[in-house]
Amino acid sequence: MGKGDIRTKRGKRIAGSYGVTRKRKKLVAATPTKKKTAKKATAKKATAKKAAAKKTTATAKKATTAAAKKAATAAAKKAEETTVEATTEATEATDATETKEADTKE
């Protein structure tokens, strides 16, 4: 395993060749500046998207809350109306019964 063995890193270095045991280094010249600016722009876009999503979510929650309040109010009104109607009907029935009893007694 010396300088003449091309299967080792040392042999590859001496021979000046590349392969599985001695891979080439990737060139990192002008591409990082473009990638960094692209990443920054993407990060800004992502931040803007997150902020928009938060606003949309907050708006949806407010709308849902408002709709729930309206539904609850409507249900309460219906419950009141049915209670009032039931009370009125019960009162009328009681009055009618009392009137019939009074008529029969006379």
PDB file of N, CA and C in Angstrom:
ATOM      1  N   MET A   1       0.826  -1.164   0.000  1.00  0.00           N
ATOM      2  CA  MET A   1       0.000   0.000   0.000  1.00  0.00           C
ATOM      3  C   MET A   1       0.882   1.243   0.000  1.00  0.00           C
ATOM      4  N   GLY A   2       1.525   1.435  -1.002  1.00  0.00           N
ATOM      5  CA  GLY A   2       2.444   2.570  -1.057  1.00  0.00           C
ATOM      6  C   GLY A   2       2.014   3.586  -2.080  1.00  0.00           C
ATOM      7  N   LYS A   3       3.005   4.305  -2.596  1.00  0.00           N
ATOM      8  CA  LYS A   3       2.733   5.370  -3.552  1.00  0.00           C
ATOM      9  C   LYS A   3       2.214   4.829  -4.875  1.00  0.00           C
ATOM     10  N   GLY A   4       2.538   3.645  -5.199  1.00  0.00           N
ATOM     11  CA  GLY A   4       2.136   3.092  -6.486  1.00  0.00           C
ATOM     12  C   GLY A   4       0.773   2.425  -6.486  1.00  0.00           C
ATOM     13  N   ASP A   5       0.173   2.239  -5.323  1.00  0.00           N
ATOM     14  CA  ASP A   5      -1.132   1.568  -5.246  1.00  0.00           C
ATOM     15  C   ASP A   5      -2.232   2.593  -5.516  1.00  0.00           C
ATOM     16  N   ILE A   6      -2.872   2.495  -6.654  1.00  0.00           N
ATOM     17  CA  ILE A   6      -3.874   3.479  -7.079  1.00  0.00           C
ATOM     18  C   ILE A   6      -5.184   3.309  -6.307  1.00  0.00           C
ATOM     19  N   ARG A   7      -5.346   2.211  -5.598  1.00  0.00           N
ATOM     20  CA  ARG A   7      -6.596   1.987  -4.857  1.00  0.00           C
ATOM     21  C   ARG A   7      -6.625   2.737  -3.526  1.00  0.00           C
ATOM     22  N   THR A   8      -5.523   3.317  -3.105  1.00  0.00           N
ATOM     23  CA  THR A   8      -5.488   4.054  -1.840  1.00  0.00           C
ATOM     24  C   THR A   8      -5.455   5.551  -2.099  1.00  0.00           C
ATOM     25  N   LYS A   9      -5.794   6.325  -1.061  1.00  0.00           N
ATOM     26  CA  LYS A   9      -5.776   7.786  -1.200  1.00  0.00           C
ATOM     27  C   LYS A   9      -4.366   8.288  -1.501  1.00  0.00           C
ATOM     28  N   ARG A  10      -3.405   7.685  -0.858  1.00  0.00           N
ATOM     29  CA  ARG A  10      -2.021   8.120  -1.083  1.00  0.00           C
ATOM     30  C   ARG A  10      -1.605   7.858  -2.525  1.00  0.00           C
ATOM     31  N   GLY A  11      -1.969   6.697  -3.038  1.00  0.00           N
ATOM     32  CA  GLY A  11      -1.639   6.369  -4.425  1.00  0.00           C
ATOM     33  C   GLY A  11      -2.367   7.274  -5.405  1.00  0.00           C
ATOM     34  N   LYS A  12      -3.603   7.607  -5.086  1.00  0.00           N
ATOM     35  CA  LYS A  12      -4.377   8.513  -5.951  1.00  0.00           C
ATOM     36  C   LYS A  12      -3.725   9.895  -5.970  1.00  0.00           C
ATOM     37  N   ARG A  13      -3.272  10.352  -4.806  1.00  0.00           N
ATOM     38  CA  ARG A  13      -2.633  11.667  -4.747  1.00  0.00           C
ATOM     39  C   ARG A  13      -1.350  11.689  -5.577  1.00  0.00           C
ATOM     40  N   ILE A  14      -0.600  10.647  -5.467  1.00  0.00           N
ATOM     41  CA  ILE A  14       0.657  10.580  -6.222  1.00  0.00           C
ATOM     42  C   ILE A  14       0.366  10.520  -7.714  1.00  0.00           C
ATOM     43  N   ALA A  15      -0.629   9.720  -8.105  1.00  0.00           N
ATOM     44  CA  ALA A  15      -0.967   9.569  -9.526  1.00  0.00           C
ATOM     45  C   ALA A  15      -1.725  10.783 -10.053  1.00  0.00           C
ATOM     46  N   GLY A  16      -2.350  11.541  -9.114  1.00  0.00           N
ATOM     47  CA  GLY A  16      -3.104  12.727  -9.539  1.00  0.00           C
ATOM     48  C   GLY A  16      -4.471  12.373 -10.098  1.00  0.00           C
ATOM     49  N   SER A  17      -4.992  11.244  -9.656  1.00  0.00           N
ATOM     50  CA  SER A  17      -6.304  10.842 -10.164  1.00  0.00           C
ATOM     51  C   SER A  17      -7.345  10.898  -9.045  1.00  0.00           C
ATOM     52  N   TYR A  18      -8.601  10.807  -9.441  1.00  0.00           N
ATOM     53  CA  TYR A  18      -9.722  10.844  -8.505  1.00  0.00           C
ATOM     54  C   TYR A  18     -10.558   9.587  -8.695  1.00  0.00           C
ATOM     55  N   GLY A  19     -11.364   9.259  -7.698  1.00  0.00           N
ATOM     56  CA  GLY A  19     -12.203   8.068  -7.784  1.00  0.00           C
ATOM     57  C   GLY A  19     -12.977   7.884  -6.494  1.00  0.00           C
ATOM     58  N   VAL A  20     -13.322   6.618  -6.200  1.00  0.00           N
ATOM     59  CA  VAL A  20     -14.125   6.324  -5.028  1.00  0.00           C
ATOM     60  C   VAL A  20     -13.360   6.653  -3.746  1.00  0.00           C
ATOM     61  N   THR A  21     -12.110   6.282  -3.685  1.00  0.00           N
ATOM     62  CA  THR A  21     -11.333   6.511  -2.467  1.00  0.00           C
ATOM     63  C   THR A  21     -10.842   7.943  -2.337  1.00  0.00           C
ATOM     64  N   ARG A  22     -10.809   8.696  -3.413  1.00  0.00           N
ATOM     65  CA  ARG A  22     -10.382  10.100  -3.375  1.00  0.00           C
ATOM     66  C   ARG A  22     -11.326  10.917  -4.246  1.00  0.00           C
ATOM     67  N   LYS A  23     -12.329  11.477  -3.594  1.00  0.00           N
ATOM     68  CA  LYS A  23     -13.328  12.232  -4.342  1.00  0.00           C
ATOM     69  C   LYS A  23     -12.886  13.667  -4.518  1.00  0.00           C
ATOM     70  N   ARG A  24     -13.412  14.311  -5.554  1.00  0.00           N
ATOM     71  CA  ARG A  24     -13.100  15.712  -5.815  1.00  0.00           C
ATOM     72  C   ARG A  24     -13.880  16.603  -4.856  1.00  0.00           C
ATOM     73  N   LYS A  25     -13.277  17.716  -4.493  1.00  0.00           N
ATOM     74  CA  LYS A  25     -13.983  18.690  -3.672  1.00  0.00           C
ATOM     75  C   LYS A  25     -14.856  19.524  -4.589  1.00  0.00           C
ATOM     76  N   LYS A  26     -16.051  19.838  -4.107  1.00  0.00           N
ATOM     77  CA  LYS A  26     -16.959  20.657  -4.907  1.00  0.00           C
ATOM     78  C   LYS A  26     -16.477  22.097  -4.882  1.00  0.00           C
ATOM     79  N   LEU A  27     -16.583  22.763  -6.024  1.00  0.00           N
ATOM     80  CA  LEU A  27     -16.176  24.162  -6.112  1.00  0.00           C
ATOM     81  C   LEU A  27     -17.259  25.037  -5.497  1.00  0.00           C
ATOM     82  N   VAL A  28     -16.845  25.946  -4.648  1.00  0.00           N
ATOM     83  CA  VAL A  28     -17.777  26.843  -3.987  1.00  0.00           C
ATOM     84  C   VAL A  28     -17.317  28.261  -4.262  1.00  0.00           C
ATOM     85  N   ALA A  29     -17.483  28.714  -5.520  1.00  0.00           N
ATOM     86  CA  ALA A  29     -16.947  30.013  -5.888  1.00  0.00           C
ATOM     87  C   ALA A  29     -17.999  31.115  -5.765  1.00  0.00           C
ATOM     88  N   ALA A  30     -18.757  31.374  -6.816  1.00  0.00           N
ATOM     89  CA  ALA A  30     -19.679  32.505  -6.843  1.00  0.00           C
ATOM     90  C   ALA A  30     -21.096  32.113  -6.458  1.00  0.00           C
ATOM     91  N   THR A  31     -21.371  30.860  -6.338  1.00  0.00           N
ATOM     92  CA  THR A  31     -22.737  30.427  -6.064  1.00  0.00           C
ATOM     93  C   THR A  31     -23.250  30.745  -4.669  1.00  0.00           C
ATOM     94  N   PRO A  32     -22.408  30.808  -3.619  1.00  0.00           N
ATOM     95  CA  PRO A  32     -22.967  31.070  -2.296  1.00  0.00           C
ATOM     96  C   PRO A  32     -23.652  32.424  -2.163  1.00  0.00           C
ATOM     97  N   THR A  33     -23.125  33.454  -2.805  1.00  0.00           N
ATOM     98  CA  THR A  33     -23.744  34.769  -2.666  1.00  0.00           C
ATOM     99  C   THR A  33     -25.146  34.761  -3.250  1.00  0.00           C
ATOM    100  N   LYS A  34     -25.329  34.075  -4.358  1.00  0.00           N
ATOM    101  CA  LYS A  34     -26.655  33.993  -4.953  1.00  0.00           C
ATOM    102  C   LYS A  34     -27.590  33.198  -4.061  1.00  0.00           C
ATOM    103  N   LYS A  35     -27.093  32.110  -3.493  1.00  0.00           N
ATOM    104  CA  LYS A  35     -27.924  31.277  -2.631  1.00  0.00           C
ATOM    105  C   LYS A  35     -28.313  32.016  -1.364  1.00  0.00           C
ATOM    106  N   LYS A  36     -27.366  32.778  -0.795  1.00  0.00           N
ATOM    107  CA  LYS A  36     -27.670  33.497   0.426  1.00  0.00           C
ATOM    108  C   LYS A  36     -28.746  34.539   0.193  1.00  0.00           C
ATOM    109  N   THR A  37     -28.650  35.279  -0.898  1.00  0.00           N
ATOM    110  CA  THR A  37     -29.668  36.283  -1.174  1.00  0.00           C
ATOM    111  C   THR A  37     -30.995  35.612  -1.462  1.00  0.00           C
ATOM    112  N   ALA A  38     -30.948  34.480  -2.126  1.00  0.00           N
ATOM    113  CA  ALA A  38     -32.179  33.753  -2.405  1.00  0.00           C
ATOM    114  C   ALA A  38     -32.790  33.243  -1.107  1.00  0.00           C
ATOM    115  N   LYS A  39     -31.938  32.783  -0.194  1.00  0.00           N
ATOM    116  CA  LYS A  39     -32.437  32.306   1.085  1.00  0.00           C
ATOM    117  C   LYS A  39     -33.055  33.437   1.879  1.00  0.00           C
ATOM    118  N   LYS A  40     -32.401  34.608   1.853  1.00  0.00           N
ATOM    119  CA  LYS A  40     -32.934  35.746   2.583  1.00  0.00           C
ATOM    120  C   LYS A  40     -34.288  36.156   2.026  1.00  0.00           C
ATOM    121  N   ALA A  41     -34.393  36.196   0.706  1.00  0.00           N
ATOM    122  CA  ALA A  41     -35.655  36.560   0.081  1.00  0.00           C
ATOM    123  C   ALA A  41     -36.716  35.517   0.404  1.00  0.00           C
ATOM    124  N   THR A  42     -36.312  34.260   0.368  1.00  0.00           N
ATOM    125  CA  THR A  42     -37.252  33.193   0.692  1.00  0.00           C
ATOM    126  C   THR A  42     -37.677  33.291   2.144  1.00  0.00           C
ATOM    127  N   ALA A  43     -36.729  33.604   3.018  1.00  0.00           N
ATOM    128  CA  ALA A  43     -37.042  33.755   4.440  1.00  0.00           C
ATOM    129  C   ALA A  43     -38.023  34.903   4.649  1.00  0.00           C
ATOM    130  N   LYS A  44     -37.805  36.008   3.925  1.00  0.00           N
ATOM    131  CA  LYS A  44     -38.723  37.139   4.041  1.00  0.00           C
ATOM    132  C   LYS A  44     -40.104  36.761   3.547  1.00  0.00           C
ATOM    133  N   LYS A  45     -40.150  36.034   2.422  1.00  0.00           N
ATOM    134  CA  LYS A  45     -41.433  35.593   1.888  1.00  0.00           C
ATOM    135  C   LYS A  45     -42.116  34.660   2.860  1.00  0.00           C
ATOM    136  N   ALA A  46     -41.336  33.742   3.446  1.00  0.00           N
ATOM    137  CA  ALA A  46     -41.894  32.790   4.402  1.00  0.00           C
ATOM    138  C   ALA A  46     -42.440  33.527   5.621  1.00  0.00           C
ATOM    139  N   THR A  47     -41.714  34.533   6.078  1.00  0.00           N
ATOM    140  CA  THR A  47     -42.169  35.319   7.222  1.00  0.00           C
ATOM    141  C   THR A  47     -43.457  36.049   6.871  1.00  0.00           C
ATOM    142  N   ALA A  48     -43.503  36.611   5.668  1.00  0.00           N
ATOM    143  CA  ALA A  48     -44.708  37.301   5.229  1.00  0.00           C
ATOM    144  C   ALA A  48     -45.876  36.325   5.137  1.00  0.00           C
ATOM    145  N   LYS A  49     -45.602  35.128   4.624  1.00  0.00           N
ATOM    146  CA  LYS A  49     -46.666  34.126   4.513  1.00  0.00           C
ATOM    147  C   LYS A  49     -47.166  33.721   5.893  1.00  0.00           C
ATOM    148  N   LYS A  50     -46.227  33.550   6.851  1.00  0.00           N
ATOM    149  CA  LYS A  50     -46.619  33.177   8.198  1.00  0.00           C
ATOM    150  C   LYS A  50     -47.474  34.274   8.825  1.00  0.00           C
ATOM    151  N   ALA A  51     -47.069  35.529   8.615  1.00  0.00           N
ATOM    152  CA  ALA A  51     -47.826  36.637   9.171  1.00  0.00           C
ATOM    153  C   ALA A  51     -49.219  36.689   8.555  1.00  0.00           C
ATOM    154  N   ALA A  52     -49.290  36.474   7.238  1.00  0.00           N
ATOM    155  CA  ALA A  52     -50.585  36.467   6.566  1.00  0.00           C
ATOM    156  C   ALA A  52     -51.433  35.311   7.073  1.00  0.00           C
ATOM    157  N   ALA A  53     -50.807  34.171   7.293  1.00  0.00           N
ATOM    158  CA  ALA A  53     -51.541  33.011   7.809  1.00  0.00           C
ATOM    159  C   ALA A  53     -52.064  33.301   9.205  1.00  0.00           C
ATOM    160  N   LYS A  54     -51.248  33.967  10.030  1.00  0.00           N
ATOM    161  CA  LYS A  54     -51.685  34.309  11.376  1.00  0.00           C
ATOM    162  C   LYS A  54     -52.870  35.257  11.321  1.00  0.00           C
ATOM    163  N   LYS A  55     -52.801  36.263  10.413  1.00  0.00           N
ATOM    164  CA  LYS A  55     -53.900  37.212  10.281  1.00  0.00           C
ATOM    165  C   LYS A  55     -55.158  36.490   9.824  1.00  0.00           C
ATOM    166  N   THR A  56     -54.998  35.599   8.851  1.00  0.00           N
ATOM    167  CA  THR A  56     -56.136  34.854   8.341  1.00  0.00           C
ATOM    168  C   THR A  56     -56.731  33.985   9.434  1.00  0.00           C
ATOM    169  N   THR A  57     -55.869  33.343  10.206  1.00  0.00           N
ATOM    170  CA  THR A  57     -56.337  32.493  11.293  1.00  0.00           C
ATOM    171  C   THR A  57     -57.064  33.331  12.342  1.00  0.00           C
ATOM    172  N   ALA A  58     -56.500  34.486  12.670  1.00  0.00           N
ATOM    173  CA  ALA A  58     -57.131  35.363  13.655  1.00  0.00           C
ATOM    174  C   ALA A  58     -58.481  35.843  13.137  1.00  0.00           C
ATOM    175  N   THR A  59     -58.544  36.202  11.857  1.00  0.00           N
ATOM    176  CA  THR A  59     -59.794  36.640  11.253  1.00  0.00           C
ATOM    177  C   THR A  59     -60.817  35.513  11.270  1.00  0.00           C
ATOM    178  N   ALA A  60     -60.362  34.314  10.945  1.00  0.00           N
ATOM    179  CA  ALA A  60     -61.263  33.161  10.949  1.00  0.00           C
ATOM    180  C   ALA A  60     -61.778  32.893  12.359  1.00  0.00           C
ATOM    181  N   LYS A  61     -60.897  33.027  13.358  1.00  0.00           N
ATOM    182  CA  LYS A  61     -61.325  32.809  14.733  1.00  0.00           C
ATOM    183  C   LYS A  61     -62.360  33.852  15.137  1.00  0.00           C
ATOM    184  N   LYS A  62     -62.115  35.109  14.742  1.00  0.00           N
ATOM    185  CA  LYS A  62     -63.064  36.167  15.073  1.00  0.00           C
ATOM    186  C   LYS A  62     -64.407  35.902  14.403  1.00  0.00           C
ATOM    187  N   ALA A  63     -64.349  35.494  13.135  1.00  0.00           N
ATOM    188  CA  ALA A  63     -65.584  35.208  12.411  1.00  0.00           C
ATOM    189  C   ALA A  63     -66.315  34.044  13.058  1.00  0.00           C
ATOM    190  N   THR A  64     -65.570  33.021  13.431  1.00  0.00           N
ATOM    191  CA  THR A  64     -66.169  31.860  14.074  1.00  0.00           C
ATOM    192  C   THR A  64     -66.776  32.257  15.409  1.00  0.00           C
ATOM    193  N   THR A  65     -66.070  33.086  16.156  1.00  0.00           N
ATOM    194  CA  THR A  65     -66.570  33.540  17.450  1.00  0.00           C
ATOM    195  C   THR A  65     -67.836  34.374  17.262  1.00  0.00           C
ATOM    196  N   ALA A  66     -67.804  35.263  16.274  1.00  0.00           N
ATOM    197  CA  ALA A  66     -68.974  36.096  16.002  1.00  0.00           C
ATOM    198  C   ALA A  66     -70.161  35.237  15.579  1.00  0.00           C
ATOM    199  N   ALA A  67     -69.902  34.257  14.724  1.00  0.00           N
ATOM    200  CA  ALA A  67     -70.972  33.365  14.275  1.00  0.00           C
ATOM    201  C   ALA A  67     -71.516  32.551  15.444  1.00  0.00           C
ATOM    202  N   ALA A  68     -70.639  32.116  16.327  1.00  0.00           N
ATOM    203  CA  ALA A  68     -71.064  31.340  17.488  1.00  0.00           C
ATOM    204  C   ALA A  68     -71.919  32.210  18.419  1.00  0.00           C
ATOM    205  N   LYS A  69     -71.514  33.477  18.596  1.00  0.00           N
ATOM    206  CA  LYS A  69     -72.288  34.385  19.439  1.00  0.00           C
ATOM    207  C   LYS A  69     -73.677  34.619  18.851  1.00  0.00           C
ATOM    208  N   LYS A  70     -73.727  34.808  17.520  1.00  0.00           N
ATOM    209  CA  LYS A  70     -75.012  35.019  16.866  1.00  0.00           C
ATOM    210  C   LYS A  70     -75.894  33.787  17.019  1.00  0.00           C
ATOM    211  N   ALA A  71     -75.310  32.619  16.833  1.00  0.00           N
ATOM    212  CA  ALA A  71     -76.066  31.374  16.959  1.00  0.00           C
ATOM    213  C   ALA A  71     -76.564  31.196  18.390  1.00  0.00           C
ATOM    214  N   ALA A  72     -75.715  31.508  19.369  1.00  0.00           N
ATOM    215  CA  ALA A  72     -76.105  31.383  20.762  1.00  0.00           C
ATOM    216  C   ALA A  72     -77.229  32.362  21.100  1.00  0.00           C
ATOM    217  N   THR A  73     -77.124  33.575  20.578  1.00  0.00           N
ATOM    218  CA  THR A  73     -78.159  34.583  20.809  1.00  0.00           C
ATOM    219  C   THR A  73     -79.485  34.143  20.190  1.00  0.00           C
ATOM    220  N   ALA A  74     -79.400  33.633  18.966  1.00  0.00           N
ATOM    221  CA  ALA A  74     -80.608  33.156  18.298  1.00  0.00           C
ATOM    222  C   ALA A  74     -81.231  31.996  19.068  1.00  0.00           C
ATOM    223  N   ALA A  75     -80.404  31.083  19.546  1.00  0.00           N
ATOM    224  CA  ALA A  75     -80.914  29.939  20.315  1.00  0.00           C
ATOM    225  C   ALA A  75     -81.557  30.414  21.611  1.00  0.00           C
ATOM    226  N   ALA A  76     -80.942  31.399  22.254  1.00  0.00           N
ATOM    227  CA  ALA A  76     -81.505  31.932  23.494  1.00  0.00           C
ATOM    228  C   ALA A  76     -82.850  32.599  23.233  1.00  0.00           C
ATOM    229  N   LYS A  77     -82.942  33.341  22.140  1.00  0.00           N
ATOM    230  CA  LYS A  77     -84.218  33.986  21.793  1.00  0.00           C
ATOM    231  C   LYS A  77     -85.295  32.956  21.523  1.00  0.00           C
ATOM    232  N   LYS A  78     -84.928  31.895  20.780  1.00  0.00           N
ATOM    233  CA  LYS A  78     -85.901  30.836  20.498  1.00  0.00           C
ATOM    234  C   LYS A  78     -86.350  30.160  21.788  1.00  0.00           C
ATOM    235  N   ALA A  79     -85.402  29.917  22.678  1.00  0.00           N
ATOM    236  CA  ALA A  79     -85.733  29.288  23.954  1.00  0.00           C
ATOM    237  C   ALA A  79     -86.664  30.182  24.754  1.00  0.00           C
ATOM    238  N   GLU A  80     -86.408  31.491  24.750  1.00  0.00           N
ATOM    239  CA  GLU A  80     -87.276  32.440  25.459  1.00  0.00           C
ATOM    240  C   GLU A  80     -88.668  32.434  24.869  1.00  0.00           C
ATOM    241  N   GLU A  81     -88.729  32.457  23.524  1.00  0.00           N
ATOM    242  CA  GLU A  81     -90.026  32.470  22.850  1.00  0.00           C
ATOM    243  C   GLU A  81     -90.815  31.211  23.174  1.00  0.00           C
ATOM    244  N   THR A  82     -90.151  30.064  23.130  1.00  0.00           N
ATOM    245  CA  THR A  82     -90.861  28.818  23.433  1.00  0.00           C
ATOM    246  C   THR A  82     -91.287  28.783  24.885  1.00  0.00           C
ATOM    247  N   THR A  83     -90.466  29.335  25.785  1.00  0.00           N
ATOM    248  CA  THR A  83     -90.827  29.391  27.201  1.00  0.00           C
ATOM    249  C   THR A  83     -92.024  30.304  27.407  1.00  0.00           C
ATOM    250  N   VAL A  84     -91.996  31.448  26.741  1.00  0.00           N
ATOM    251  CA  VAL A  84     -93.102  32.400  26.852  1.00  0.00           C
ATOM    252  C   VAL A  84     -94.373  31.783  26.284  1.00  0.00           C
ATOM    253  N   GLU A  85     -94.232  31.122  25.118  1.00  0.00           N
ATOM    254  CA  GLU A  85     -95.399  30.476  24.514  1.00  0.00           C
ATOM    255  C   GLU A  85     -95.956  29.381  25.415  1.00  0.00           C
ATOM    256  N   ALA A  86     -95.094  28.577  25.976  1.00  0.00           N
ATOM    257  CA  ALA A  86     -95.533  27.493  26.860  1.00  0.00           C
ATOM    258  C   ALA A  86     -96.210  28.057  28.102  1.00  0.00           C
ATOM    259  N   THR A  87     -95.637  29.127  28.647  1.00  0.00           N
ATOM    260  CA  THR A  87     -96.229  29.755  29.832  1.00  0.00           C
ATOM    261  C   THR A  87     -97.595  30.333  29.498  1.00  0.00           C
ATOM    262  N   THR A  88     -97.673  30.979  28.347  1.00  0.00           N
ATOM    263  CA  THR A  88     -98.935  31.572  27.915  1.00  0.00           C
ATOM    264  C   THR A  88     -99.985  30.488  27.718  1.00  0.00           C
ATOM    265  N   GLU A  89     -99.599  29.404  27.055  1.00  0.00           N
ATOM    266  CA  GLU A  89    -100.537  28.297  26.827  1.00  0.00           C
ATOM    267  C   GLU A  89    -100.971  27.672  28.145  1.00  0.00           C
ATOM    268  N   ALA A  90    -100.042  27.506  29.070  1.00  0.00           N
ATOM    269  CA  ALA A  90    -100.385  26.918  30.369  1.00  0.00           C
ATOM    270  C   ALA A  90    -101.340  27.833  31.120  1.00  0.00           C
ATOM    271  N   THR A  91    -101.079  29.142  31.053  1.00  0.00           N
ATOM    272  CA  THR A  91    -101.949  30.108  31.731  1.00  0.00           C
ATOM    273  C   THR A  91    -103.343  30.086  31.114  1.00  0.00           C
ATOM    274  N   GLU A  92    -103.397  30.050  29.784  1.00  0.00           N
ATOM    275  CA  GLU A  92    -104.686  30.010  29.100  1.00  0.00           C
ATOM    276  C   GLU A  92    -105.437  28.730  29.445  1.00  0.00           C
ATOM    277  N   ALA A  93    -104.721  27.608  29.488  1.00  0.00           N
ATOM    278  CA  ALA A  93    -105.363  26.341  29.828  1.00  0.00           C
ATOM    279  C   ALA A  93    -105.896  26.377  31.254  1.00  0.00           C
ATOM    280  N   THR A  94    -105.120  26.957  32.153  1.00  0.00           N
ATOM    281  CA  THR A  94    -105.550  27.059  33.547  1.00  0.00           C
ATOM    282  C   THR A  94    -106.773  27.963  33.650  1.00  0.00           C
ATOM    283  N   ASP A  95    -106.749  29.074  32.933  1.00  0.00           N
ATOM    284  CA  ASP A  95    -107.882  29.997  32.936  1.00  0.00           C
ATOM    285  C   ASP A  95    -109.122  29.313  32.384  1.00  0.00           C
ATOM    286  N   ALA A  96    -108.961  28.552  31.304  1.00  0.00           N
ATOM    287  CA  ALA A  96    -110.089  27.856  30.692  1.00  0.00           C
ATOM    288  C   ALA A  96    -110.653  26.821  31.654  1.00  0.00           C
ATOM    289  N   THR A  97    -109.795  26.113  32.332  1.00  0.00           N
ATOM    290  CA  THR A  97    -110.243  25.097  33.284  1.00  0.00           C
ATOM    291  C   THR A  97    -110.986  25.745  34.443  1.00  0.00           C
ATOM    292  N   GLU A  98    -110.427  26.845  34.954  1.00  0.00           N
ATOM    293  CA  GLU A  98    -111.080  27.552  36.051  1.00  0.00           C
ATOM    294  C   GLU A  98    -112.436  28.084  35.618  1.00  0.00           C
ATOM    295  N   THR A  99    -112.501  28.569  34.381  1.00  0.00           N
ATOM    296  CA  THR A  99    -113.771  29.099  33.863  1.00  0.00           C
ATOM    297  C   THR A  99    -114.794  27.986  33.755  1.00  0.00           C
ATOM    298  N   LYS A 100    -114.378  26.811  33.257  1.00  0.00           N
ATOM    299  CA  LYS A 100    -115.304  25.680  33.138  1.00  0.00           C
ATOM    300  C   LYS A 100    -115.779  25.213  34.509  1.00  0.00           C
ATOM    301  N   GLU A 101    -114.879  25.180  35.480  1.00  0.00           N
ATOM    302  CA  GLU A 101    -115.249  24.762  36.832  1.00  0.00           C
ATOM    303  C   GLU A 101    -116.228  25.766  37.450  1.00  0.00           C
ATOM    304  N   ALA A 102    -115.954  27.032  37.189  1.00  0.00           N
ATOM    305  CA  ALA A 102    -116.834  28.055  37.730  1.00  0.00           C
ATOM    306  C   ALA A 102    -118.213  27.971  37.088  1.00  0.00           C
ATOM    307  N   ASP A 103    -118.253  27.675  35.777  1.00  0.00           N
ATOM    308  CA  ASP A 103    -119.530  27.558  35.053  1.00  0.00           C
ATOM    309  C   ASP A 103    -120.299  26.342  35.579  1.00  0.00           C
ATOM    310  N   THR A 104    -119.598  25.248  35.820  1.00  0.00           N
ATOM    311  CA  THR A 104    -120.265  24.033  36.291  1.00  0.00           C
ATOM    312  C   THR A 104    -120.791  24.213  37.704  1.00  0.00           C
ATOM    313  N   LYS A 105    -120.113  24.930  38.531  1.00  0.00           N
ATOM    314  CA  LYS A 105    -120.540  25.126  39.905  1.00  0.00           C
ATOM    315  C   LYS A 105    -121.766  26.031  39.969  1.00  0.00           C
ATOM    316  N   GLU A 106    -121.894  26.935  39.061  1.00  0.00           N
ATOM    317  CA  GLU A 106    -123.028  27.871  39.085  1.00  0.00           C
ATOM    318  C   GLU A 106    -124.202  27.189  38.564  1.00  0.00           C
TER     319      GLU A 106
END
